[in-house]
Amino acid sequence: MNKKVFIIIIICLILARIGYSFTKYEKPSNNTKVESNIAEKNLGEIIEISDYASLENYLSLDEINFLVIGKSGCEFCESYKPVLKEIAKNYEVKILYVDTKKLSSEDLNLLRNSEIIIPAECTDSHLDEHLNYSFGTPLTLFIKNYDTINCIRGYKNYDYTKSIVEYVYN
């Protein structure tokens, strides 16, 4: 890689980290009301999340949220969808799927600046990172009360995904 390109990339990453500290999004207060039956709806299904407010409604519930972040045109994301459908059906879990290309730029910024953490085992830096860190898709996060309790990096087959789901939900 050309030294100039490498230096430019490093400078951009440093500037992005600095910018994040000034634009950090704060999680919603406990005053946010969510329908109590939202927790029981859609078990065994993949729910397409089209805006950040909808995602926030699910994340505010006191339950484990199975969140997959993907994007249109991602071959691995498309290959992962049948695995997710089978997991949702067999384990009667609700899977939240966010297609980053379908979010508005405002909602994408809210997602990237949220308090959602990518655990170290799912980052190249091997450090916990926020979503404004560059990450590959699909990225699967298991979140409860805004704390990420586990993750799956990239496409994984049914058996691998099943083992993580069984670990997280048991």
Protein backbone atom coordinates (compact mmCIF):
# COMPACT_ATOMS: atom_id res chain seq x y z
CA MET A 1 0.00 0.00 0.00
CA ASN A 2 1.28 3.45 -0.86
CA LYS A 3 2.67 5.29 2.23
CA LYS A 4 0.64 8.43 1.46
CA VAL A 5 -2.62 6.47 1.28
CA PHE A 6 -1.79 4.70 4.55
CA ILE A 7 -1.05 7.98 6.31
CA ILE A 8 -4.28 9.53 4.99
CA ILE A 9 -6.27 6.54 6.27
CA ILE A 10 -4.64 6.81 9.73
CA ILE A 11 -5.37 10.55 9.89
CA CYS A 12 -9.02 9.97 8.89
CA LEU A 13 -9.43 7.31 11.59
CA ILE A 14 -7.96 9.63 14.23
CA LEU A 15 -10.23 12.48 13.13
CA ALA A 16 -13.26 10.17 13.19
CA ARG A 17 -12.46 9.12 16.76
CA ILE A 18 -12.08 12.75 17.83
CA GLY A 19 -15.34 13.69 16.11
CA TYR A 20 -17.15 10.85 17.85
CA SER A 21 -16.33 12.23 21.29
CA PHE A 22 -18.13 15.48 20.39
CA THR A 23 -21.22 13.83 18.87
CA LYS A 24 -21.85 10.91 21.21
CA TYR A 25 -25.48 9.91 21.21
CA GLU A 26 -27.03 9.27 24.60
CA LYS A 27 -29.42 6.40 25.16
CA PRO A 28 -33.05 7.31 25.80
CA SER A 29 -34.30 8.07 29.27
CA ASN A 30 -36.54 5.65 31.12
CA ASN A 31 -39.46 7.92 30.23
CA THR A 32 -39.60 6.28 26.79
CA LYS A 33 -42.82 4.26 26.71
CA VAL A 34 -42.98 1.13 24.62
CA GLU A 35 -46.02 -1.03 24.15
CA SER A 36 -45.70 -3.93 26.57
CA ASN A 37 -46.80 -6.43 23.95
CA ILE A 38 -43.91 -5.55 21.62
CA ALA A 39 -41.82 -8.09 23.53
CA GLU A 40 -44.20 -10.93 22.66
CA LYS A 41 -44.77 -9.96 19.04
CA ASN A 42 -42.87 -11.42 16.14
CA LEU A 43 -41.27 -14.39 17.91
CA GLY A 44 -39.76 -16.67 15.29
CA GLU A 45 -39.45 -13.86 12.74
CA ILE A 46 -36.91 -11.50 11.26
CA ILE A 47 -38.04 -7.91 11.76
CA GLU A 48 -36.71 -5.42 9.22
CA ILE A 49 -35.82 -2.22 11.10
CA SER A 50 -36.25 0.80 8.84
CA ASP A 51 -35.42 3.64 11.25
CA TYR A 52 -33.44 4.24 14.41
CA ALA A 53 -36.51 5.05 16.53
CA SER A 54 -37.91 1.54 15.88
CA LEU A 55 -34.61 -0.04 16.87
CA GLU A 56 -34.49 2.09 20.00
CA ASN A 57 -37.97 0.82 20.98
CA TYR A 58 -36.71 -2.76 20.93
CA LEU A 59 -33.41 -1.95 22.66
CA SER A 60 -35.26 -0.25 25.50
CA LEU A 61 -37.03 -3.51 26.41
CA ASP A 62 -35.63 -5.59 29.27
CA GLU A 63 -34.83 -8.59 27.09
CA ILE A 64 -32.06 -9.95 24.90
CA ASN A 65 -32.16 -8.35 21.46
CA PHE A 66 -30.76 -10.40 18.58
CA LEU A 67 -29.56 -7.60 16.26
CA VAL A 68 -28.05 -8.17 12.83
CA ILE A 69 -26.56 -5.25 10.94
CA GLY A 70 -26.21 -5.87 7.23
CA LYS A 71 -26.47 -4.01 3.97
CA SER A 72 -28.07 -4.44 0.58
CA GLY A 73 -25.67 -5.87 -1.97
CA CYS A 74 -23.58 -7.67 0.67
CA GLU A 75 -23.18 -11.25 -0.56
CA PHE A 76 -22.43 -12.55 2.94
CA CYS A 77 -25.52 -10.79 4.35
CA GLU A 78 -27.72 -12.44 1.73
CA SER A 79 -26.14 -15.85 2.46
CA TYR A 80 -26.76 -15.34 6.19
CA LYS A 81 -30.50 -14.58 5.86
CA PRO A 82 -31.60 -18.23 5.40
CA VAL A 83 -29.55 -19.17 8.48
CA LEU A 84 -31.25 -16.39 10.44
CA LYS A 85 -34.72 -17.46 9.25
CA GLU A 86 -34.07 -21.02 10.37
CA ILE A 87 -32.72 -19.88 13.76
CA ALA A 88 -35.71 -17.55 14.28
CA LYS A 89 -38.15 -20.35 13.49
CA ASN A 90 -36.42 -23.13 15.44
CA TYR A 91 -35.68 -21.08 18.55
CA GLU A 92 -38.73 -18.79 18.42
CA VAL A 93 -36.56 -15.71 18.73
CA LYS A 94 -37.16 -12.36 17.17
CA ILE A 95 -34.26 -11.14 15.06
CA LEU A 96 -33.90 -7.43 14.37
CA TYR A 97 -32.32 -6.83 10.96
CA VAL A 98 -30.97 -3.38 10.07
CA ASP A 99 -30.01 -2.79 6.45
CA THR A 100 -27.67 0.20 6.68
CA LYS A 101 -28.27 1.12 3.03
CA LYS A 102 -32.01 1.46 3.69
CA LEU A 103 -31.59 3.82 6.66
CA SER A 104 -31.76 7.56 6.13
CA SER A 105 -28.44 9.34 6.63
CA GLU A 106 -29.83 10.78 9.89
CA ASP A 107 -30.84 7.34 11.21
CA LEU A 108 -27.50 5.85 10.12
CA ASN A 109 -25.69 8.59 12.06
CA LEU A 110 -27.85 7.91 15.12
CA LEU A 111 -27.03 4.20 14.88
CA ARG A 112 -23.30 4.83 14.43
CA ASN A 113 -23.23 7.29 17.35
CA SER A 114 -25.35 5.16 19.67
CA GLU A 115 -23.96 3.52 22.78
CA ILE A 116 -24.03 0.09 21.15
CA ILE A 117 -20.66 -1.60 21.57
CA ILE A 118 -18.99 -4.12 19.27
CA PRO A 119 -17.13 -6.52 21.60
CA ALA A 120 -13.38 -6.96 21.11
CA GLU A 121 -13.79 -10.45 19.62
CA CYS A 122 -15.67 -8.91 16.69
CA THR A 123 -13.28 -6.05 15.86
CA ASP A 124 -9.98 -5.91 13.98
CA SER A 125 -8.44 -3.85 16.79
CA HIS A 126 -9.35 -6.53 19.37
CA LEU A 127 -10.77 -3.73 21.53
CA ASP A 128 -14.38 -2.93 22.34
CA GLU A 129 -15.52 -0.37 19.75
CA HIS A 130 -18.60 1.76 19.11
CA LEU A 131 -20.55 1.38 15.87
CA ASN A 132 -18.79 4.39 14.36
CA TYR A 133 -15.78 2.06 14.13
CA SER A 134 -15.49 0.50 10.69
CA PHE A 135 -17.01 -2.99 10.78
CA GLY A 136 -17.85 -5.68 8.25
CA THR A 137 -21.30 -6.99 7.55
CA PRO A 138 -23.13 -8.93 8.60
CA LEU A 139 -22.50 -8.10 12.24
CA THR A 140 -24.64 -9.89 14.82
CA LEU A 141 -24.95 -8.41 18.30
CA PHE A 142 -26.85 -9.76 21.29
CA ILE A 143 -27.84 -6.76 23.40
CA LYS A 144 -29.66 -6.45 26.71
CA ASN A 145 -30.26 -3.08 28.37
CA TYR A 146 -27.86 -1.46 25.87
CA ASP A 147 -25.06 -3.84 26.90
CA THR A 148 -23.68 -6.12 24.20
CA ILE A 149 -23.38 -9.57 25.72
CA ASN A 150 -22.11 -11.48 22.67
CA CYS A 151 -21.48 -11.12 18.96
CA ILE A 152 -20.95 -12.96 15.70
CA ARG A 153 -18.64 -11.42 13.13
CA GLY A 154 -19.53 -12.01 9.51
CA TYR A 155 -21.41 -14.90 7.93
CA LYS A 156 -21.50 -18.10 9.98
CA ASN A 157 -23.23 -21.38 9.21
CA TYR A 158 -26.31 -22.66 11.01
CA ASP A 159 -24.44 -24.83 13.53
CA TYR A 160 -22.11 -22.05 14.63
CA THR A 161 -24.95 -19.51 14.91
CA LYS A 162 -27.07 -22.06 16.79
CA SER A 163 -24.28 -22.63 19.33
CA ILE A 164 -24.05 -18.90 20.07
CA VAL A 165 -27.84 -18.55 20.31
CA GLU A 166 -28.02 -21.47 22.74
CA TYR A 167 -25.23 -19.99 24.83
CA VAL A 168 -26.79 -16.49 24.91
CA TYR A 169 -30.36 -17.56 25.63
CA ASN A 170 -29.57 -20.27 28.22
